[in-house]
Amino acid sequence: MNLGTVFLGIIAVAMLTTAVAQLFVLISAGRIARRLDRLVDQVERDLSPLIASLNAIGQDAARAASLATAQVERVDRLFGEAAQRLDATLGGPDESATALVDMVVLTVDGSRDHDVQEIVAEKSTRDALSSLLRQVFDRMRLPAVQRDVIARRYGLPPYLAEESARDISRSLDLHREKVGRVVEAFQQEMARPGGPFHAVCTQLGDEDLAGLSLGWVPRTLGDWHAVPNAAKVATLPDALVDPLVPRQKKAPPPPFASLRLSSGYLVQFLCDYHDWTFNGSYRAGVPQPAQRACPRCGHPSAAIRVLRK
């Protein structure tokens, strides 16, 4: 046997081995593919109920959302129509009323042209609404300062133009946060079933309410007689009954130019917006500042005294 024949035999054996290995790989790949198919079918069978449940939940949620949207749009249309009717009656500025109290404010725009009958009807409506709101104030037993704040904020008589909380704070020398709390508490009381506004409107007939463009009150706040007695006698928020004390005038800060402390010093500052004091630490030799930003609101706060460390 020569060497060439041996090499040919080795090559033949190698090719046979390679063919057998490839055949084994193909058989294994087929088995794996069948297992993957079975696994995919099983997963689909297991997930089908879950997917169906999720679809049902999604449909229910979409149905609930559509119903809620329809209710919100219905309420929005109701409020919008009432605001438009009131605005047309009073001749006020064309604004969107987002709160119930905005539907009964007495803002009047005197720049429009009216004939005599329209002017008389407008004045009669304005006087009637003014009387109604005075009854609401009396029923709430609002102090004079709270009445003034609300009248200024919504342009009620004797004020014919709305004022911002900042302007009211400056005019009455009150903290702006207190003014905001009074306005917010008043809005909540006006929108509360069984509240003073609801009680006063209940004393009027349907025709009187319609004539004042307040026909939405029974539909929005409900039947007065169906309101629990506890809601009818509920106490007013503290913001509407607590005394509003004007801000105290603080003495001007003392001159600090002549003060020199060797070991460092503390300066006490007063924030007139929050009505609170805070301290600032400074090294010796640093000039004493006349004011510093409040760490709460950033409002410039005047220095009132120097404290030694």
C-alpha atoms as a PDB file:
ATOM      1  CA  MET A   1       0.000   0.000   0.000  1.00  0.00           C
ATOM      2  CA  ASN A   2       1.528   3.305  -1.057  1.00  0.00           C
ATOM      3  CA  LEU A   3       1.338   6.672   0.757  1.00  0.00           C
ATOM      4  CA  GLY A   4      -1.157   8.260  -1.674  1.00  0.00           C
ATOM      5  CA  THR A   5      -3.752   5.605  -0.968  1.00  0.00           C
ATOM      6  CA  VAL A   6      -3.424   6.250   2.783  1.00  0.00           C
ATOM      7  CA  PHE A   7      -4.002   9.966   2.338  1.00  0.00           C
ATOM      8  CA  LEU A   8      -7.054   9.331   0.217  1.00  0.00           C
ATOM      9  CA  GLY A   9      -8.493   7.069   2.878  1.00  0.00           C
ATOM     10  CA  ILE A  10      -7.909   9.721   5.581  1.00  0.00           C
ATOM     11  CA  ILE A  11      -9.637  12.366   3.442  1.00  0.00           C
ATOM     12  CA  ALA A  12     -12.621  10.068   2.850  1.00  0.00           C
ATOM     13  CA  VAL A  13     -12.982   9.362   6.572  1.00  0.00           C
ATOM     14  CA  ALA A  14     -12.787  13.073   7.368  1.00  0.00           C
ATOM     15  CA  MET A  15     -15.464  13.939   4.820  1.00  0.00           C
ATOM     16  CA  LEU A  16     -17.698  11.185   6.178  1.00  0.00           C
ATOM     17  CA  THR A  17     -17.266  12.491   9.719  1.00  0.00           C
ATOM     18  CA  THR A  18     -18.066  16.028   8.600  1.00  0.00           C
ATOM     19  CA  ALA A  19     -21.214  14.859   6.812  1.00  0.00           C
ATOM     20  CA  VAL A  20     -22.380  12.944   9.896  1.00  0.00           C
ATOM     21  CA  ALA A  21     -21.763  16.018  12.111  1.00  0.00           C
ATOM     22  CA  GLN A  22     -23.687  18.278   9.731  1.00  0.00           C
ATOM     23  CA  LEU A  23     -26.562  15.791   9.677  1.00  0.00           C
ATOM     24  CA  PHE A  24     -26.607  15.769  13.492  1.00  0.00           C
ATOM     25  CA  VAL A  25     -26.643  19.570  13.579  1.00  0.00           C
ATOM     26  CA  LEU A  26     -29.548  19.711  11.157  1.00  0.00           C
ATOM     27  CA  ILE A  27     -31.532  17.189  13.204  1.00  0.00           C
ATOM     28  CA  SER A  28     -30.842  19.148  16.427  1.00  0.00           C
ATOM     29  CA  ALA A  29     -31.834  22.423  14.784  1.00  0.00           C
ATOM     30  CA  GLY A  30     -35.115  20.913  13.646  1.00  0.00           C
ATOM     31  CA  ARG A  31     -35.864  19.676  17.159  1.00  0.00           C
ATOM     32  CA  ILE A  32     -35.080  23.102  18.624  1.00  0.00           C
ATOM     33  CA  ALA A  33     -37.306  24.808  16.052  1.00  0.00           C
ATOM     34  CA  ARG A  34     -40.207  22.455  16.919  1.00  0.00           C
ATOM     35  CA  ARG A  35     -39.698  23.164  20.628  1.00  0.00           C
ATOM     36  CA  LEU A  36     -39.698  26.897  19.996  1.00  0.00           C
ATOM     37  CA  ASP A  37     -42.923  26.588  18.019  1.00  0.00           C
ATOM     38  CA  ARG A  38     -44.537  24.662  20.872  1.00  0.00           C
ATOM     39  CA  LEU A  39     -43.256  27.236  23.371  1.00  0.00           C
ATOM     40  CA  VAL A  40     -44.647  30.127  21.327  1.00  0.00           C
ATOM     41  CA  ASP A  41     -48.019  28.381  21.031  1.00  0.00           C
ATOM     42  CA  GLN A  42     -48.110  27.791  24.796  1.00  0.00           C
ATOM     43  CA  VAL A  43     -47.211  31.407  25.547  1.00  0.00           C
ATOM     44  CA  GLU A  44     -49.926  32.619  23.185  1.00  0.00           C
ATOM     45  CA  ARG A  45     -52.471  30.341  24.853  1.00  0.00           C
ATOM     46  CA  ASP A  46     -51.425  31.550  28.327  1.00  0.00           C
ATOM     47  CA  LEU A  47     -51.377  35.248  27.401  1.00  0.00           C
ATOM     48  CA  SER A  48     -54.621  35.292  25.450  1.00  0.00           C
ATOM     49  CA  PRO A  49     -56.873  35.498  28.570  1.00  0.00           C
ATOM     50  CA  LEU A  50     -54.632  38.177  30.074  1.00  0.00           C
ATOM     51  CA  ILE A  51     -54.685  40.236  26.881  1.00  0.00           C
ATOM     52  CA  ALA A  52     -58.439  39.865  26.673  1.00  0.00           C
ATOM     53  CA  SER A  53     -58.779  41.059  30.271  1.00  0.00           C
ATOM     54  CA  LEU A  54     -56.533  44.033  29.593  1.00  0.00           C
ATOM     55  CA  ASN A  55     -58.581  44.927  26.531  1.00  0.00           C
ATOM     56  CA  ALA A  56     -61.760  44.762  28.577  1.00  0.00           C
ATOM     57  CA  ILE A  57     -60.226  46.950  31.303  1.00  0.00           C
ATOM     58  CA  GLY A  58     -59.036  49.426  28.684  1.00  0.00           C
ATOM     59  CA  GLN A  59     -62.485  49.588  27.109  1.00  0.00           C
ATOM     60  CA  ASP A  60     -64.096  50.127  30.519  1.00  0.00           C
ATOM     61  CA  ALA A  61     -61.583  52.863  31.343  1.00  0.00           C
ATOM     62  CA  ALA A  62     -62.162  54.539  27.994  1.00  0.00           C
ATOM     63  CA  ARG A  63     -65.921  54.366  28.521  1.00  0.00           C
ATOM     64  CA  ALA A  64     -65.575  55.855  32.020  1.00  0.00           C
ATOM     65  CA  ALA A  65     -63.271  58.587  30.717  1.00  0.00           C
ATOM     66  CA  SER A  66     -65.714  59.476  27.962  1.00  0.00           C
ATOM     67  CA  LEU A  67     -68.563  59.673  30.471  1.00  0.00           C
ATOM     68  CA  ALA A  68     -66.470  61.846  32.802  1.00  0.00           C
ATOM     69  CA  THR A  69     -65.481  64.081  29.905  1.00  0.00           C
ATOM     70  CA  ALA A  70     -69.104  64.458  28.894  1.00  0.00           C
ATOM     71  CA  GLN A  71     -70.054  65.406  32.468  1.00  0.00           C
ATOM     72  CA  VAL A  72     -67.218  67.922  32.706  1.00  0.00           C
ATOM     73  CA  GLU A  73     -68.166  69.461  29.363  1.00  0.00           C
ATOM     74  CA  ARG A  74     -71.781  69.624  30.502  1.00  0.00           C
ATOM     75  CA  VAL A  75     -70.835  71.428  33.721  1.00  0.00           C
ATOM     76  CA  ASP A  76     -68.460  73.694  31.801  1.00  0.00           C
ATOM     77  CA  ARG A  77     -71.216  74.606  29.342  1.00  0.00           C
ATOM     78  CA  LEU A  78     -73.566  75.256  32.258  1.00  0.00           C
ATOM     79  CA  PHE A  79     -71.097  77.598  33.960  1.00  0.00           C
ATOM     80  CA  GLY A  80     -70.162  79.237  30.670  1.00  0.00           C
ATOM     81  CA  GLU A  81     -73.783  79.958  29.773  1.00  0.00           C
ATOM     82  CA  ALA A  82     -74.428  81.379  33.236  1.00  0.00           C
ATOM     83  CA  ALA A  83     -71.337  83.584  33.032  1.00  0.00           C
ATOM     84  CA  GLN A  84     -72.316  84.824  29.571  1.00  0.00           C
ATOM     85  CA  ARG A  85     -75.840  85.614  30.715  1.00  0.00           C
ATOM     86  CA  LEU A  86     -74.534  87.501  33.730  1.00  0.00           C
ATOM     87  CA  ASP A  87     -71.959  89.348  31.640  1.00  0.00           C
ATOM     88  CA  ALA A  88     -74.619  90.322  29.112  1.00  0.00           C
ATOM     89  CA  THR A  89     -76.874  91.558  31.924  1.00  0.00           C
ATOM     90  CA  LEU A  90     -74.261  93.605  33.750  1.00  0.00           C
ATOM     91  CA  GLY A  91     -72.245  94.741  30.742  1.00  0.00           C
ATOM     92  CA  GLY A  92     -69.004  93.571  32.350  1.00  0.00           C
ATOM     93  CA  PRO A  93     -65.769  92.640  30.580  1.00  0.00           C
ATOM     94  CA  ASP A  94     -65.778  89.531  28.414  1.00  0.00           C
ATOM     95  CA  GLU A  95     -63.926  87.108  30.700  1.00  0.00           C
ATOM     96  CA  SER A  96     -64.226  83.403  31.399  1.00  0.00           C
ATOM     97  CA  ALA A  97     -65.730  82.772  34.852  1.00  0.00           C
ATOM     98  CA  THR A  98     -64.008  79.790  36.405  1.00  0.00           C
ATOM     99  CA  ALA A  99     -65.505  79.994  39.908  1.00  0.00           C
ATOM    100  CA  LEU A 100     -69.087  80.255  41.123  1.00  0.00           C
ATOM    101  CA  VAL A 101     -68.394  83.572  42.802  1.00  0.00           C
ATOM    102  CA  ASP A 102     -67.345  85.059  39.452  1.00  0.00           C
ATOM    103  CA  MET A 103     -70.915  84.517  38.217  1.00  0.00           C
ATOM    104  CA  VAL A 104     -72.378  87.022  40.694  1.00  0.00           C
ATOM    105  CA  VAL A 105     -69.764  89.793  40.786  1.00  0.00           C
ATOM    106  CA  LEU A 106     -71.020  93.223  39.850  1.00  0.00           C
ATOM    107  CA  THR A 107     -68.421  94.453  37.371  1.00  0.00           C
ATOM    108  CA  VAL A 108     -70.006  96.974  34.991  1.00  0.00           C
ATOM    109  CA  ASP A 109     -68.471  98.333  31.794  1.00  0.00           C
ATOM    110  CA  GLY A 110     -69.838 101.850  31.288  1.00  0.00           C
ATOM    111  CA  SER A 111     -68.397 102.275  27.796  1.00  0.00           C
ATOM    112  CA  ARG A 112     -71.211 100.450  26.010  1.00  0.00           C
ATOM    113  CA  ASP A 113     -74.155 102.263  24.467  1.00  0.00           C
ATOM    114  CA  HIS A 114     -77.590 101.535  26.005  1.00  0.00           C
ATOM    115  CA  ASP A 115     -80.963 103.056  25.590  1.00  0.00           C
ATOM    116  CA  VAL A 116     -82.985 104.308  28.557  1.00  0.00           C
ATOM    117  CA  GLN A 117     -84.859 101.050  29.134  1.00  0.00           C
ATOM    118  CA  GLU A 118     -81.676  98.993  29.070  1.00  0.00           C
ATOM    119  CA  ILE A 119     -80.000 101.359  31.541  1.00  0.00           C
ATOM    120  CA  VAL A 120     -82.984 101.157  33.907  1.00  0.00           C
ATOM    121  CA  ALA A 121     -83.108  97.346  33.638  1.00  0.00           C
ATOM    122  CA  GLU A 122     -79.361  97.105  34.167  1.00  0.00           C
ATOM    123  CA  LYS A 123     -79.459  99.328  37.252  1.00  0.00           C
ATOM    124  CA  SER A 124     -82.364  97.331  38.656  1.00  0.00           C
ATOM    125  CA  THR A 125     -80.470  94.064  38.173  1.00  0.00           C
ATOM    126  CA  ARG A 126     -77.288  95.524  39.634  1.00  0.00           C
ATOM    127  CA  ASP A 127     -79.160  96.816  42.687  1.00  0.00           C
ATOM    128  CA  ALA A 128     -80.869  93.450  43.175  1.00  0.00           C
ATOM    129  CA  LEU A 129     -77.580  91.565  42.992  1.00  0.00           C
ATOM    130  CA  SER A 130     -75.985  94.077  45.345  1.00  0.00           C
ATOM    131  CA  SER A 131     -78.794  93.521  47.829  1.00  0.00           C
ATOM    132  CA  LEU A 132     -78.443  89.749  47.467  1.00  0.00           C
ATOM    133  CA  LEU A 133     -74.706  89.859  48.140  1.00  0.00           C
ATOM    134  CA  ARG A 134     -75.228  92.128  51.146  1.00  0.00           C
ATOM    135  CA  GLN A 135     -77.582  89.485  52.520  1.00  0.00           C
ATOM    136  CA  VAL A 136     -74.892  86.854  51.913  1.00  0.00           C
ATOM    137  CA  PHE A 137     -72.333  88.991  53.764  1.00  0.00           C
ATOM    138  CA  ASP A 138     -74.771  89.548  56.638  1.00  0.00           C
ATOM    139  CA  ARG A 139     -75.546  85.850  56.840  1.00  0.00           C
ATOM    140  CA  MET A 140     -71.822  85.086  56.914  1.00  0.00           C
ATOM    141  CA  ARG A 141     -71.388  87.838  59.538  1.00  0.00           C
ATOM    142  CA  LEU A 142     -68.263  88.970  57.782  1.00  0.00           C
ATOM    143  CA  PRO A 143     -66.148  91.584  59.537  1.00  0.00           C
ATOM    144  CA  ALA A 144     -65.718  94.922  57.803  1.00  0.00           C
ATOM    145  CA  VAL A 145     -62.168  94.204  56.656  1.00  0.00           C
ATOM    146  CA  GLN A 146     -63.118  90.888  55.014  1.00  0.00           C
ATOM    147  CA  ARG A 147     -66.037  92.592  53.266  1.00  0.00           C
ATOM    148  CA  ASP A 148     -63.718  95.279  51.950  1.00  0.00           C
ATOM    149  CA  VAL A 149     -61.214  92.684  50.702  1.00  0.00           C
ATOM    150  CA  ILE A 150     -63.894  90.733  48.813  1.00  0.00           C
ATOM    151  CA  ALA A 151     -65.503  93.885  47.385  1.00  0.00           C
ATOM    152  CA  ARG A 152     -62.147  95.113  46.107  1.00  0.00           C
ATOM    153  CA  ARG A 153     -61.156  91.720  44.674  1.00  0.00           C
ATOM    154  CA  TYR A 154     -64.336  91.257  42.602  1.00  0.00           C
ATOM    155  CA  GLY A 155     -65.182  94.871  41.856  1.00  0.00           C
ATOM    156  CA  LEU A 156     -68.304  94.937  44.016  1.00  0.00           C
ATOM    157  CA  PRO A 157     -69.887  98.278  44.987  1.00  0.00           C
ATOM    158  CA  PRO A 158     -68.562 100.786  45.834  1.00  0.00           C
ATOM    159  CA  TYR A 159     -65.611  99.543  43.737  1.00  0.00           C
ATOM    160  CA  LEU A 160     -66.268  99.232  40.012  1.00  0.00           C
ATOM    161  CA  ALA A 161     -62.951  97.637  39.031  1.00  0.00           C
ATOM    162  CA  GLU A 162     -61.346  94.424  40.208  1.00  0.00           C
ATOM    163  CA  GLU A 163     -58.127  94.697  42.197  1.00  0.00           C
ATOM    164  CA  SER A 164     -55.354  92.143  42.471  1.00  0.00           C
ATOM    165  CA  ALA A 165     -54.266  90.621  45.778  1.00  0.00           C
ATOM    166  CA  ARG A 166     -51.085  92.683  45.605  1.00  0.00           C
ATOM    167  CA  ASP A 167     -53.026  95.950  45.189  1.00  0.00           C
ATOM    168  CA  ILE A 168     -55.406  95.033  48.026  1.00  0.00           C
ATOM    169  CA  SER A 169     -52.448  94.168  50.246  1.00  0.00           C
ATOM    170  CA  ARG A 170     -50.898  97.563  49.605  1.00  0.00           C
ATOM    171  CA  SER A 171     -54.150  99.518  49.955  1.00  0.00           C
ATOM    172  CA  LEU A 172     -55.198  97.908  53.247  1.00  0.00           C
ATOM    173  CA  ASP A 173     -51.649  97.317  54.533  1.00  0.00           C
ATOM    174  CA  LEU A 174     -52.301  93.564  54.890  1.00  0.00           C
ATOM    175  CA  HIS A 175     -50.111  90.594  54.109  1.00  0.00           C
ATOM    176  CA  ARG A 176     -50.791  89.234  50.638  1.00  0.00           C
ATOM    177  CA  GLU A 177     -51.098  85.668  51.972  1.00  0.00           C
ATOM    178  CA  LYS A 178     -53.929  86.740  54.283  1.00  0.00           C
ATOM    179  CA  VAL A 179     -55.737  88.436  51.401  1.00  0.00           C
ATOM    180  CA  GLY A 180     -55.417  85.268  49.314  1.00  0.00           C
ATOM    181  CA  ARG A 181     -56.789  83.106  52.134  1.00  0.00           C
ATOM    182  CA  VAL A 182     -59.812  85.384  52.533  1.00  0.00           C
ATOM    183  CA  VAL A 183     -60.634  85.253  48.815  1.00  0.00           C
ATOM    184  CA  GLU A 184     -60.170  81.474  48.623  1.00  0.00           C
ATOM    185  CA  ALA A 185     -62.348  80.866  51.697  1.00  0.00           C
ATOM    186  CA  PHE A 186     -65.080  83.120  50.258  1.00  0.00           C
ATOM    187  CA  GLN A 187     -65.086  81.197  46.968  1.00  0.00           C
ATOM    188  CA  GLN A 188     -65.430  77.905  48.842  1.00  0.00           C
ATOM    189  CA  GLU A 189     -68.368  79.227  50.857  1.00  0.00           C
ATOM    190  CA  MET A 190     -70.113  80.526  47.739  1.00  0.00           C
ATOM    191  CA  ALA A 191     -69.808  77.084  46.095  1.00  0.00           C
ATOM    192  CA  ARG A 192     -70.762  75.033  49.180  1.00  0.00           C
ATOM    193  CA  PRO A 193     -74.203  73.358  49.181  1.00  0.00           C
ATOM    194  CA  GLY A 194     -75.987  74.551  52.284  1.00  0.00           C
ATOM    195  CA  GLY A 195     -73.781  77.630  52.511  1.00  0.00           C
ATOM    196  CA  PRO A 196     -74.934  81.238  52.978  1.00  0.00           C
ATOM    197  CA  PHE A 197     -75.150  81.942  49.232  1.00  0.00           C
ATOM    198  CA  HIS A 198     -77.248  78.790  48.720  1.00  0.00           C
ATOM    199  CA  ALA A 199     -79.514  79.799  51.611  1.00  0.00           C
ATOM    200  CA  VAL A 200     -80.125  83.318  50.302  1.00  0.00           C
ATOM    201  CA  CYS A 201     -80.843  82.079  46.762  1.00  0.00           C
ATOM    202  CA  THR A 202     -83.340  79.546  48.173  1.00  0.00           C
ATOM    203  CA  GLN A 203     -85.463  82.433  49.481  1.00  0.00           C
ATOM    204  CA  LEU A 204     -85.989  83.632  45.909  1.00  0.00           C
ATOM    205  CA  GLY A 205     -88.397  82.100  43.452  1.00  0.00           C
ATOM    206  CA  ASP A 206     -87.418  80.507  40.167  1.00  0.00           C
ATOM    207  CA  GLU A 207     -88.538  83.578  38.213  1.00  0.00           C
ATOM    208  CA  ASP A 208     -86.497  85.917  40.419  1.00  0.00           C
ATOM    209  CA  LEU A 209     -83.415  83.722  40.040  1.00  0.00           C
ATOM    210  CA  ALA A 210     -83.905  83.585  36.281  1.00  0.00           C
ATOM    211  CA  GLY A 211     -84.269  87.356  36.160  1.00  0.00           C
ATOM    212  CA  LEU A 212     -80.919  87.697  37.953  1.00  0.00           C
ATOM    213  CA  SER A 213     -79.321  85.076  35.659  1.00  0.00           C
ATOM    214  CA  LEU A 214     -78.934  82.805  38.699  1.00  0.00           C
ATOM    215  CA  GLY A 215     -81.147  79.994  37.484  1.00  0.00           C
ATOM    216  CA  TRP A 216     -78.118  77.701  37.572  1.00  0.00           C
ATOM    217  CA  VAL A 217     -77.946  77.816  41.383  1.00  0.00           C
ATOM    218  CA  PRO A 218     -80.605  75.129  42.145  1.00  0.00           C
ATOM    219  CA  ARG A 219     -79.205  72.870  39.425  1.00  0.00           C
ATOM    220  CA  THR A 220     -75.602  73.240  40.567  1.00  0.00           C
ATOM    221  CA  LEU A 221     -75.935  73.367  44.359  1.00  0.00           C
ATOM    222  CA  GLY A 222     -78.997  71.115  44.579  1.00  0.00           C
ATOM    223  CA  ASP A 223     -82.167  71.326  46.664  1.00  0.00           C
ATOM    224  CA  TRP A 224     -81.681  73.298  49.873  1.00  0.00           C
ATOM    225  CA  HIS A 225     -84.048  71.013  51.804  1.00  0.00           C
ATOM    226  CA  ALA A 226     -82.014  67.952  50.800  1.00  0.00           C
ATOM    227  CA  VAL A 227     -78.813  69.341  52.319  1.00  0.00           C
ATOM    228  CA  PRO A 228     -77.961  67.844  55.749  1.00  0.00           C
ATOM    229  CA  ASN A 229     -78.496  70.176  58.684  1.00  0.00           C
ATOM    230  CA  ALA A 230     -74.865  69.809  59.670  1.00  0.00           C
ATOM    231  CA  ALA A 231     -73.829  71.454  56.398  1.00  0.00           C
ATOM    232  CA  LYS A 232     -76.303  74.314  56.916  1.00  0.00           C
ATOM    233  CA  VAL A 233     -74.866  75.251  60.318  1.00  0.00           C
ATOM    234  CA  ALA A 234     -71.225  74.630  59.457  1.00  0.00           C
ATOM    235  CA  THR A 235     -68.835  77.241  60.808  1.00  0.00           C
ATOM    236  CA  LEU A 236     -67.071  79.585  58.438  1.00  0.00           C
ATOM    237  CA  PRO A 237     -63.364  79.185  57.719  1.00  0.00           C
ATOM    238  CA  ASP A 238     -61.069  81.035  60.075  1.00  0.00           C
ATOM    239  CA  ALA A 239     -59.910  83.318  57.267  1.00  0.00           C
ATOM    240  CA  LEU A 240     -63.419  84.857  57.082  1.00  0.00           C
ATOM    241  CA  VAL A 241     -63.873  85.476  60.815  1.00  0.00           C
ATOM    242  CA  ASP A 242     -60.423  86.070  62.282  1.00  0.00           C
ATOM    243  CA  PRO A 243     -59.477  89.745  62.695  1.00  0.00           C
ATOM    244  CA  LEU A 244     -57.189  91.060  59.966  1.00  0.00           C
ATOM    245  CA  VAL A 245     -54.621  93.255  61.648  1.00  0.00           C
ATOM    246  CA  PRO A 246     -52.647  95.661  59.451  1.00  0.00           C
ATOM    247  CA  ARG A 247     -48.941  95.195  59.285  1.00  0.00           C
ATOM    248  CA  GLN A 248     -47.108  97.034  62.007  1.00  0.00           C
ATOM    249  CA  LYS A 249     -44.795  99.756  60.925  1.00  0.00           C
ATOM    250  CA  LYS A 250     -41.275  98.852  61.874  1.00  0.00           C
ATOM    251  CA  ALA A 251     -38.789 101.446  63.025  1.00  0.00           C
ATOM    252  CA  PRO A 252     -36.063 102.213  60.499  1.00  0.00           C
ATOM    253  CA  PRO A 253     -32.932 100.134  60.958  1.00  0.00           C
ATOM    254  CA  PRO A 254     -30.239 101.750  63.111  1.00  0.00           C
ATOM    255  CA  PRO A 255     -27.070 102.978  61.428  1.00  0.00           C
ATOM    256  CA  PHE A 256     -24.473 100.237  61.415  1.00  0.00           C
ATOM    257  CA  ALA A 257     -21.567 102.171  59.937  1.00  0.00           C
ATOM    258  CA  SER A 258     -20.015 102.883  63.341  1.00  0.00           C
ATOM    259  CA  LEU A 259     -20.225  99.299  64.601  1.00  0.00           C
ATOM    260  CA  ARG A 260     -17.085  97.209  64.397  1.00  0.00           C
ATOM    261  CA  LEU A 261     -16.893  93.853  66.136  1.00  0.00           C
ATOM    262  CA  SER A 262     -13.562  92.076  66.295  1.00  0.00           C
ATOM    263  CA  SER A 263     -14.694  88.434  66.509  1.00  0.00           C
ATOM    264  CA  GLY A 264     -17.484  88.456  63.904  1.00  0.00           C
ATOM    265  CA  TYR A 265     -21.112  89.339  64.382  1.00  0.00           C
ATOM    266  CA  LEU A 266     -24.736  88.417  63.598  1.00  0.00           C
ATOM    267  CA  VAL A 267     -27.202  90.737  61.879  1.00  0.00           C
ATOM    268  CA  GLN A 268     -30.939  90.215  62.400  1.00  0.00           C
ATOM    269  CA  PHE A 269     -33.171  90.895  59.385  1.00  0.00           C
ATOM    270  CA  LEU A 270     -36.964  91.324  59.154  1.00  0.00           C
ATOM    271  CA  CYS A 271     -38.996  90.030  56.190  1.00  0.00           C
ATOM    272  CA  ASP A 272     -42.131  92.186  56.084  1.00  0.00           C
ATOM    273  CA  TYR A 273     -43.768  89.768  53.618  1.00  0.00           C
ATOM    274  CA  HIS A 274     -43.729  86.752  55.996  1.00  0.00           C
ATOM    275  CA  ASP A 275     -43.412  88.922  59.136  1.00  0.00           C
ATOM    276  CA  TRP A 276     -40.540  86.870  60.524  1.00  0.00           C
ATOM    277  CA  THR A 277     -36.890  87.470  61.411  1.00  0.00           C
ATOM    278  CA  PHE A 278     -33.729  85.603  60.487  1.00  0.00           C
ATOM    279  CA  ASN A 279     -30.035  86.050  61.234  1.00  0.00           C
ATOM    280  CA  GLY A 280     -27.003  86.403  59.016  1.00  0.00           C
ATOM    281  CA  SER A 281     -23.429  85.706  60.157  1.00  0.00           C
ATOM    282  CA  TYR A 282     -20.547  87.905  59.013  1.00  0.00           C
ATOM    283  CA  ARG A 283     -16.826  87.932  59.685  1.00  0.00           C
ATOM    284  CA  ALA A 284     -15.082  90.741  61.474  1.00  0.00           C
ATOM    285  CA  GLY A 285     -14.126  93.561  59.168  1.00  0.00           C
ATOM    286  CA  VAL A 286     -16.964  92.910  56.685  1.00  0.00           C
ATOM    287  CA  PRO A 287     -19.243  95.975  56.394  1.00  0.00           C
ATOM    288  CA  GLN A 288     -22.650  95.504  57.947  1.00  0.00           C
ATOM    289  CA  PRO A 289     -25.309  95.032  55.203  1.00  0.00           C
ATOM    290  CA  ALA A 290     -28.428  97.179  55.213  1.00  0.00           C
ATOM    291  CA  GLN A 291     -30.595  94.372  53.763  1.00  0.00           C
ATOM    292  CA  ARG A 292     -30.504  90.721  52.744  1.00  0.00           C
ATOM    293  CA  ALA A 293     -32.717  88.425  50.655  1.00  0.00           C
ATOM    294  CA  CYS A 294     -35.216  86.374  52.656  1.00  0.00           C
ATOM    295  CA  PRO A 295     -34.305  82.659  52.478  1.00  0.00           C
ATOM    296  CA  ARG A 296     -38.003  81.768  52.103  1.00  0.00           C
ATOM    297  CA  CYS A 297     -39.225  84.119  49.408  1.00  0.00           C
ATOM    298  CA  GLY A 298     -36.183  86.082  48.262  1.00  0.00           C
ATOM    299  CA  HIS A 299     -37.850  89.362  49.268  1.00  0.00           C
ATOM    300  CA  PRO A 300     -35.316  92.080  50.297  1.00  0.00           C
ATOM    301  CA  SER A 301     -35.381  92.196  54.104  1.00  0.00           C
ATOM    302  CA  ALA A 302     -34.105  95.149  56.085  1.00  0.00           C
ATOM    303  CA  ALA A 303     -31.578  94.744  58.912  1.00  0.00           C
ATOM    304  CA  ILE A 304     -33.012  95.698  62.295  1.00  0.00           C
ATOM    305  CA  ARG A 305     -30.210  95.009  64.774  1.00  0.00           C
ATOM    306  CA  VAL A 306     -26.693  93.643  65.216  1.00  0.00           C
ATOM    307  CA  LEU A 307     -26.044  90.748  67.582  1.00  0.00           C
ATOM    308  CA  ARG A 308     -22.610  89.883  68.882  1.00  0.00           C
ATOM    309  CA  LYS A 309     -21.569  86.254  68.474  1.00  0.00           C
END
